[in-house]
N, C-alpha and C. Protein backbone atom coordinates (compact mmCIF):
# COMPACT_ATOMS: atom_id res chain seq x y z
N MET A 1 1.02 -0.89 0.26
CA MET A 1 -0.15 -0.26 -0.15
C MET A 1 0.61 1.48 0.12
N ARG A 2 0.74 2.08 -0.57
CA ARG A 2 1.55 3.55 -0.72
C ARG A 2 0.80 4.76 -0.19
N LEU A 3 1.25 5.19 0.89
CA LEU A 3 0.47 5.81 1.51
C LEU A 3 0.98 7.75 1.05
N HIS A 4 0.32 8.80 1.70
CA HIS A 4 0.42 9.82 0.99
C HIS A 4 0.27 10.60 2.23
N GLN A 5 1.71 11.66 2.44
CA GLN A 5 1.63 12.20 3.40
C GLN A 5 1.94 13.68 3.49
N THR A 6 0.88 13.96 3.74
CA THR A 6 0.69 16.00 3.54
C THR A 6 1.65 16.75 3.91
N PRO A 7 1.97 17.68 3.23
CA PRO A 7 2.82 18.52 3.64
C PRO A 7 2.89 19.12 5.64
N ALA A 8 1.78 19.06 5.83
CA ALA A 8 0.98 19.14 7.30
C ALA A 8 1.46 18.36 7.78
N PHE A 9 1.05 17.04 7.09
CA PHE A 9 1.81 15.93 8.22
C PHE A 9 3.22 15.80 8.77
N LEU A 10 3.93 15.78 7.57
CA LEU A 10 5.78 16.24 7.30
C LEU A 10 6.22 17.42 8.14
N ARG A 11 5.15 18.18 8.44
CA ARG A 11 5.59 19.65 9.27
C ARG A 11 5.44 18.87 11.15
N CYS A 12 4.40 18.28 11.28
CA CYS A 12 4.05 17.69 12.13
C CYS A 12 5.33 16.88 13.31
N VAL A 13 6.13 15.60 12.27
CA VAL A 13 6.76 14.63 12.45
C VAL A 13 8.04 15.56 12.39
N ARG A 14 7.91 16.24 11.89
CA ARG A 14 9.32 16.87 11.95
C ARG A 14 9.60 17.82 13.47
N LYS A 15 8.38 17.73 13.95
CA LYS A 15 8.54 18.71 15.63
C LYS A 15 8.49 17.59 16.64
N LEU A 16 8.84 16.56 16.21
CA LEU A 16 8.65 15.34 16.98
C LEU A 16 10.18 15.49 17.41
N THR A 17 10.28 14.49 18.70
CA THR A 17 12.14 14.08 18.61
C THR A 17 12.14 13.08 18.11
N PRO A 18 13.67 13.06 17.87
CA PRO A 18 13.71 11.70 17.43
C PRO A 18 13.78 10.21 17.59
N PRO A 19 13.27 9.87 19.01
CA PRO A 19 12.54 9.05 19.58
C PRO A 19 11.01 8.40 18.51
N GLU A 20 10.45 9.63 18.54
CA GLU A 20 8.87 9.75 18.18
C GLU A 20 8.82 9.78 16.77
N ARG A 21 9.73 10.39 16.46
CA ARG A 21 9.63 10.11 14.55
C ARG A 21 10.14 8.44 14.28
N ASP A 22 11.13 8.06 14.76
CA ASP A 22 11.12 6.63 14.70
C ASP A 22 10.69 5.59 15.03
N ALA A 23 9.13 5.89 15.90
CA ALA A 23 7.82 5.67 16.00
C ALA A 23 6.70 5.96 15.09
N VAL A 24 6.78 6.83 14.66
CA VAL A 24 5.70 7.05 13.59
C VAL A 24 6.74 6.04 12.21
N ALA A 25 7.67 6.23 11.70
CA ALA A 25 7.89 5.95 11.01
C ALA A 25 7.89 4.42 10.75
N ARG A 26 7.97 4.01 12.03
CA ARG A 26 7.71 2.10 12.02
C ARG A 26 6.46 1.79 11.93
N ALA A 27 5.39 2.51 12.57
CA ALA A 27 3.50 2.87 12.48
C ALA A 27 3.77 2.63 11.29
N LEU A 28 3.87 3.90 10.48
CA LEU A 28 3.72 3.96 8.78
C LEU A 28 4.34 2.41 8.26
N ARG A 29 5.29 2.47 7.80
CA ARG A 29 5.51 0.73 7.91
C ARG A 29 4.91 -0.06 7.78
N ARG A 30 4.62 -0.38 9.01
CA ARG A 30 3.77 -1.38 9.32
C ARG A 30 2.27 -1.47 9.01
N PHE A 31 1.21 0.09 9.21
CA PHE A 31 -0.32 0.33 8.32
C PHE A 31 0.18 -0.11 7.00
N ALA A 32 1.25 0.39 5.77
CA ALA A 32 1.65 -0.20 4.81
C ALA A 32 1.43 -1.05 4.56
N ARG A 33 2.02 -2.51 5.47
CA ARG A 33 2.34 -3.37 5.08
C ARG A 33 0.74 -4.23 5.80
N ASP A 34 0.23 -4.02 6.60
CA ASP A 34 -0.64 -4.56 6.78
C ASP A 34 -1.46 -3.75 8.14
N PRO A 35 -2.32 -3.05 7.51
CA PRO A 35 -3.27 -1.90 8.33
C PRO A 35 -4.22 -2.70 9.03
N SER A 36 -4.33 -4.03 9.52
CA SER A 36 -5.26 -4.66 10.56
C SER A 36 -4.49 -5.07 11.26
N ASP A 37 -3.19 -4.73 11.10
CA ASP A 37 -1.78 -5.40 12.56
C ASP A 37 -2.29 -4.88 14.07
N PRO A 38 -2.50 -5.76 14.53
CA PRO A 38 -2.96 -5.68 15.23
C PRO A 38 -2.49 -4.92 17.12
N ALA A 39 -0.83 -4.91 16.00
CA ALA A 39 -0.14 -4.36 17.29
C ALA A 39 -0.35 -2.48 17.21
N LEU A 40 -1.11 -2.34 15.54
CA LEU A 40 -1.31 -0.79 15.75
C LEU A 40 -2.84 -0.17 16.26
N ARG A 41 -3.13 -1.19 17.04
CA ARG A 41 -4.62 -0.51 17.52
C ARG A 41 -5.51 0.33 16.40
N LEU A 42 -5.82 -0.37 15.30
CA LEU A 42 -6.59 0.57 14.60
C LEU A 42 -7.33 0.68 15.04
N HIS A 43 -8.21 1.50 15.43
CA HIS A 43 -9.45 1.96 15.84
C HIS A 43 -10.59 3.40 15.20
N LYS A 44 -11.73 3.53 15.03
CA LYS A 44 -12.75 4.46 14.84
C LYS A 44 -12.30 5.20 15.42
N LEU A 45 -12.38 6.87 15.07
CA LEU A 45 -12.68 7.70 16.00
C LEU A 45 -14.58 8.34 15.95
N THR A 46 -14.89 9.10 16.81
CA THR A 46 -16.11 9.51 17.63
C THR A 46 -16.14 10.97 17.54
N GLY A 47 -17.31 11.38 17.76
CA GLY A 47 -17.51 12.80 18.23
C GLY A 47 -17.98 13.75 16.41
N ALA A 48 -16.19 15.05 17.02
CA ALA A 48 -16.26 15.58 15.81
C ALA A 48 -15.28 14.67 14.87
N LEU A 49 -14.67 13.94 14.69
CA LEU A 49 -13.95 12.61 13.91
C LEU A 49 -15.05 11.93 13.20
N ALA A 50 -15.83 11.55 13.71
CA ALA A 50 -16.77 10.25 13.27
C ALA A 50 -16.38 9.82 12.17
N GLY A 51 -16.08 8.95 11.33
CA GLY A 51 -16.03 8.66 10.04
C GLY A 51 -13.89 8.47 9.95
N CYS A 52 -13.37 8.97 11.34
CA CYS A 52 -11.79 9.20 10.32
C CYS A 52 -11.27 7.58 11.19
N TRP A 53 -10.37 7.45 10.88
CA TRP A 53 -9.31 6.46 12.08
C TRP A 53 -8.56 6.73 12.40
N ALA A 54 -7.94 5.96 13.12
CA ALA A 54 -6.83 6.14 14.00
C ALA A 54 -5.49 4.50 14.24
N PHE A 55 -4.49 5.17 14.02
CA PHE A 55 -3.77 4.38 15.08
C PHE A 55 -2.44 4.46 15.56
N SER A 56 -2.23 3.69 16.48
CA SER A 56 -1.04 3.93 17.09
C SER A 56 0.31 3.77 17.44
N ALA A 57 1.48 4.76 17.23
CA ALA A 57 2.28 5.24 16.47
C ALA A 57 3.17 5.00 17.81
N ALA A 58 3.08 4.93 19.16
CA ALA A 58 3.76 4.79 20.26
C ALA A 58 2.83 5.25 21.39
N TYR A 59 3.00 4.49 22.89
CA TYR A 59 1.94 4.52 23.67
C TYR A 59 1.58 5.95 23.89
N ASP A 60 1.66 7.02 23.86
CA ASP A 60 0.78 8.43 23.79
C ASP A 60 1.57 9.08 21.82
N LEU A 61 1.11 8.38 21.37
CA LEU A 61 1.20 9.33 20.75
C LEU A 61 0.07 8.43 18.90
N ARG A 62 -0.26 9.06 18.55
CA ARG A 62 -1.21 8.45 17.53
C ARG A 62 -1.45 9.07 15.90
N VAL A 63 -1.82 8.42 15.14
CA VAL A 63 -1.43 8.78 13.34
C VAL A 63 -2.76 8.63 13.55
N ALA A 64 -3.39 9.79 13.43
CA ALA A 64 -5.32 10.20 13.20
C ALA A 64 -5.20 10.33 11.28
N GLU A 65 -6.36 9.75 10.83
CA GLU A 65 -6.25 9.95 8.93
C GLU A 65 -7.80 9.97 8.80
N ILE A 66 -7.92 11.47 8.15
CA ILE A 66 -8.99 12.12 8.14
C ILE A 66 -9.17 12.52 6.21
N LYS A 67 -10.07 11.47 6.58
CA LYS A 67 -10.70 11.83 4.12
C LYS A 67 -10.93 12.75 3.55
N ASN A 68 -10.86 13.61 3.07
CA ASN A 68 -11.51 14.36 2.55
C ASN A 68 -12.28 14.15 1.56
N ALA A 69 -13.32 14.70 0.72
CA ALA A 69 -13.80 14.44 -0.72
C ALA A 69 -12.88 14.16 -1.94
N ARG A 70 -11.22 14.99 -1.30
CA ARG A 70 -10.33 15.09 -2.63
C ARG A 70 -9.17 13.95 -2.10
N ARG A 71 -9.12 13.85 -0.71
CA ARG A 71 -7.56 13.37 -0.30
C ARG A 71 -7.86 12.45 1.16
N ILE A 72 -6.90 11.67 1.71
CA ILE A 72 -7.36 11.23 3.02
C ILE A 72 -5.23 11.58 2.93
N GLU A 73 -5.78 12.66 4.54
CA GLU A 73 -4.64 13.39 5.29
C GLU A 73 -4.12 12.54 6.31
N ARG A 74 -2.98 12.91 6.74
CA ARG A 74 -3.01 11.88 8.33
C ARG A 74 -2.00 13.02 9.55
N GLU A 75 -2.68 13.22 10.41
CA GLU A 75 -2.01 13.99 11.49
C GLU A 75 -1.13 13.22 12.60
N ILE A 76 -0.02 14.07 13.33
CA ILE A 76 -0.27 12.84 14.15
C ILE A 76 -0.40 14.15 15.81
N THR A 77 -1.48 13.09 16.73
CA THR A 77 -1.95 13.91 17.90
C THR A 77 -1.92 13.00 18.74
N PRO A 78 -1.57 13.80 20.34
CA PRO A 78 -0.89 12.67 21.40
C PRO A 78 -2.19 12.19 21.74
N SER A 79 -1.83 11.13 22.17
CA SER A 79 -3.23 10.53 23.15
C SER A 79 -4.06 11.13 24.01
N ALA A 80 -5.16 11.14 24.36
CA ALA A 80 -5.68 11.71 25.47
C ALA A 80 -5.28 10.98 26.60
N ALA A 81 -4.58 11.26 27.92
CA ALA A 81 -4.54 11.13 29.16
C ALA A 81 -5.51 10.49 30.04
């Protein structure tokens, strides 16, 4: 699977610490190989982001997938404590 990363996503990645960037890179590679991999903890979002999906990059770091009419965007968000 080929993943499209938006400029906004790449800016978010650049703001992360090196270990966090590595975790995101590993999670994206794993997602590209097998989106249903249990280690990713893929789940649907609710509320304002209903219809979107997110998966774990690290214990406290999530990658959210937002589908617009024209493209799929990904953003990095800290998990809710």
